[in-house]
N, C-alpha and C. Protein backbone atom coordinates (compact mmCIF):
# COMPACT_ATOMS: atom_id res chain seq x y z
N UNK A 1 64.63 146.23 103.33
CA UNK A 1 63.24 145.91 103.50
C UNK A 1 62.61 146.75 104.62
N UNK A 2 63.22 146.77 105.80
CA UNK A 2 62.63 147.40 106.98
C UNK A 2 62.34 148.88 106.80
N UNK A 3 63.05 149.57 105.94
CA UNK A 3 62.80 151.01 105.78
C UNK A 3 61.47 151.30 105.11
N UNK A 4 60.82 150.29 104.49
CA UNK A 4 59.54 150.49 103.83
C UNK A 4 58.37 150.02 104.68
N UNK A 5 58.63 149.45 105.82
CA UNK A 5 57.57 148.97 106.71
C UNK A 5 57.15 150.09 107.64
N UNK A 6 55.85 150.30 107.74
CA UNK A 6 55.31 151.26 108.69
C UNK A 6 54.94 150.48 109.95
N UNK A 7 55.81 150.53 110.96
CA UNK A 7 55.60 149.78 112.19
C UNK A 7 54.70 150.55 113.14
N UNK A 8 53.80 149.83 113.81
CA UNK A 8 53.01 150.40 114.90
C UNK A 8 53.87 150.42 116.16
N UNK A 9 53.44 151.17 117.15
CA UNK A 9 54.13 151.15 118.43
C UNK A 9 54.07 149.74 118.99
N UNK A 10 55.07 149.31 119.75
CA UNK A 10 55.07 147.95 120.29
C UNK A 10 53.88 147.68 121.22
N UNK A 11 53.39 146.46 121.16
CA UNK A 11 52.39 145.97 122.10
C UNK A 11 53.17 145.18 123.13
N UNK A 12 53.19 145.68 124.38
CA UNK A 12 54.07 145.10 125.40
C UNK A 12 53.32 144.66 126.64
N UNK A 13 53.88 143.67 127.30
CA UNK A 13 53.45 143.23 128.62
C UNK A 13 54.63 143.40 129.54
N UNK A 14 54.49 144.25 130.53
CA UNK A 14 55.55 144.50 131.50
C UNK A 14 56.86 144.92 130.85
N UNK A 15 56.78 145.58 129.70
CA UNK A 15 57.92 146.19 129.00
C UNK A 15 59.02 145.22 128.60
N UNK A 16 58.74 143.91 128.58
CA UNK A 16 59.80 142.99 128.17
C UNK A 16 59.33 141.93 127.18
N UNK A 17 58.06 141.85 126.89
CA UNK A 17 57.54 140.88 125.92
C UNK A 17 56.74 141.68 124.89
N UNK A 18 57.43 142.25 123.92
CA UNK A 18 56.80 143.18 123.00
C UNK A 18 56.75 142.65 121.57
N UNK A 19 55.59 142.86 120.95
CA UNK A 19 55.41 142.53 119.54
C UNK A 19 55.14 143.81 118.77
N UNK A 20 55.53 143.82 117.51
CA UNK A 20 55.24 144.96 116.64
C UNK A 20 54.53 144.44 115.40
N UNK A 21 53.57 145.20 114.93
CA UNK A 21 52.83 144.90 113.72
C UNK A 21 53.07 146.04 112.75
N UNK A 22 53.28 145.71 111.48
CA UNK A 22 53.51 146.72 110.47
C UNK A 22 52.93 146.31 109.13
N UNK A 23 52.87 147.29 108.23
CA UNK A 23 52.41 147.05 106.86
C UNK A 23 53.30 147.84 105.92
N UNK A 24 53.23 147.49 104.63
CA UNK A 24 53.95 148.27 103.64
C UNK A 24 52.99 148.63 102.51
N UNK A 25 53.45 149.46 101.60
CA UNK A 25 52.62 149.94 100.49
C UNK A 25 52.30 148.86 99.47
N UNK A 26 53.01 147.75 99.51
CA UNK A 26 52.79 146.66 98.56
C UNK A 26 51.71 145.69 99.01
N UNK A 27 51.08 145.94 100.17
CA UNK A 27 50.01 145.08 100.66
C UNK A 27 50.47 143.94 101.53
N UNK A 28 51.66 144.04 102.09
CA UNK A 28 52.20 143.01 102.98
C UNK A 28 52.03 143.43 104.43
N UNK A 29 51.92 142.44 105.30
CA UNK A 29 51.88 142.72 106.73
C UNK A 29 53.05 142.02 107.40
N UNK A 30 53.42 142.52 108.58
CA UNK A 30 54.59 142.01 109.29
C UNK A 30 54.29 141.95 110.77
N UNK A 31 54.76 140.89 111.42
CA UNK A 31 54.71 140.77 112.87
C UNK A 31 56.11 140.39 113.32
N UNK A 32 56.61 141.12 114.32
CA UNK A 32 57.97 140.86 114.80
C UNK A 32 58.06 141.09 116.29
N UNK A 33 59.01 140.47 116.91
CA UNK A 33 59.35 140.79 118.29
C UNK A 33 60.07 142.13 118.26
N UNK A 34 59.69 143.02 119.16
CA UNK A 34 60.34 144.33 119.20
C UNK A 34 61.84 144.14 119.37
N UNK A 35 62.59 144.82 118.54
CA UNK A 35 64.04 144.69 118.54
C UNK A 35 64.55 143.70 117.50
N UNK A 36 63.63 142.91 116.94
CA UNK A 36 64.02 141.93 115.92
C UNK A 36 63.20 142.16 114.65
N UNK A 37 62.95 143.43 114.35
CA UNK A 37 62.15 143.79 113.19
C UNK A 37 62.79 143.40 111.86
N UNK A 38 64.07 143.07 111.89
CA UNK A 38 64.76 142.67 110.66
C UNK A 38 64.45 141.22 110.26
N UNK A 39 63.70 140.48 111.11
CA UNK A 39 63.32 139.11 110.75
C UNK A 39 61.85 138.85 111.11
N UNK A 40 60.94 139.58 110.44
CA UNK A 40 59.52 139.44 110.78
C UNK A 40 58.85 138.25 110.10
N UNK A 41 57.70 137.88 110.64
CA UNK A 41 56.78 136.96 109.98
C UNK A 41 56.01 137.82 108.98
N UNK A 42 55.91 137.37 107.73
CA UNK A 42 55.32 138.19 106.67
C UNK A 42 54.16 137.47 106.00
N UNK A 43 53.09 138.22 105.72
CA UNK A 43 51.95 137.71 104.98
C UNK A 43 51.24 138.91 104.37
N UNK A 44 50.04 138.69 103.84
CA UNK A 44 49.28 139.78 103.22
C UNK A 44 48.57 140.60 104.29
N UNK A 45 48.19 141.83 103.94
CA UNK A 45 47.41 142.66 104.84
C UNK A 45 46.07 141.98 105.12
N UNK A 46 45.49 141.32 104.11
CA UNK A 46 44.22 140.61 104.33
C UNK A 46 44.40 139.50 105.36
N UNK A 47 45.52 138.79 105.33
CA UNK A 47 45.78 137.76 106.33
C UNK A 47 45.87 138.38 107.73
N UNK A 48 46.48 139.55 107.84
CA UNK A 48 46.55 140.26 109.12
C UNK A 48 45.15 140.65 109.58
N UNK A 49 44.33 141.16 108.67
CA UNK A 49 42.95 141.51 109.02
C UNK A 49 42.21 140.30 109.59
N UNK A 50 42.35 139.15 108.91
CA UNK A 50 41.65 137.95 109.37
C UNK A 50 42.19 137.48 110.71
N UNK A 51 43.50 137.56 110.91
CA UNK A 51 44.09 137.20 112.20
C UNK A 51 43.49 138.05 113.31
N UNK A 52 43.42 139.35 113.10
CA UNK A 52 42.87 140.25 114.12
C UNK A 52 41.40 139.94 114.36
N UNK A 53 40.62 139.71 113.30
CA UNK A 53 39.21 139.33 113.47
C UNK A 53 39.08 138.06 114.30
N UNK A 54 39.88 137.06 113.97
CA UNK A 54 39.80 135.79 114.69
C UNK A 54 40.19 135.95 116.17
N UNK A 55 41.22 136.73 116.43
CA UNK A 55 41.62 136.97 117.82
C UNK A 55 40.51 137.68 118.57
N UNK A 56 39.93 138.71 117.95
CA UNK A 56 38.83 139.45 118.58
C UNK A 56 37.62 138.55 118.83
N UNK A 57 37.41 137.56 117.97
CA UNK A 57 36.29 136.63 118.12
C UNK A 57 36.57 135.54 119.15
N UNK A 58 37.75 135.53 119.73
CA UNK A 58 38.08 134.57 120.77
C UNK A 58 38.66 133.26 120.28
N UNK A 59 38.99 133.17 119.00
CA UNK A 59 39.47 131.91 118.45
C UNK A 59 40.87 131.52 118.92
N UNK A 60 41.57 132.42 119.59
CA UNK A 60 42.90 132.10 120.11
C UNK A 60 42.93 132.10 121.64
N UNK A 61 41.78 132.26 122.25
CA UNK A 61 41.74 132.33 123.72
C UNK A 61 42.34 131.12 124.40
N UNK A 62 42.21 129.95 123.78
CA UNK A 62 42.78 128.73 124.39
C UNK A 62 44.30 128.81 124.55
N UNK A 63 44.94 129.67 123.78
CA UNK A 63 46.39 129.81 123.90
C UNK A 63 46.78 130.55 125.18
N UNK A 64 45.82 131.23 125.78
CA UNK A 64 46.10 132.02 126.98
C UNK A 64 45.80 131.26 128.25
N UNK A 65 45.21 130.07 128.15
CA UNK A 65 44.90 129.28 129.33
C UNK A 65 46.19 128.91 130.06
N UNK A 66 46.21 129.17 131.34
CA UNK A 66 47.38 128.88 132.16
C UNK A 66 47.25 127.57 132.91
N UNK A 67 46.12 126.85 132.75
CA UNK A 67 45.90 125.64 133.54
C UNK A 67 46.68 124.46 133.05
């Protein structure tokens, strides 16, 4: 499976908490912890698009609250 995924460069915080996002030609999207790409969360590319839109719109900001 992993040989068909086009992974983006890792998104990292302090080089130890890294996520990778990828897609394949079949219209699937993948999110994985860097180094664990063999067990990604998988959905459609459209679901990935909506996730990114929602994050950009601030719909996940409450997850970042440290209080």
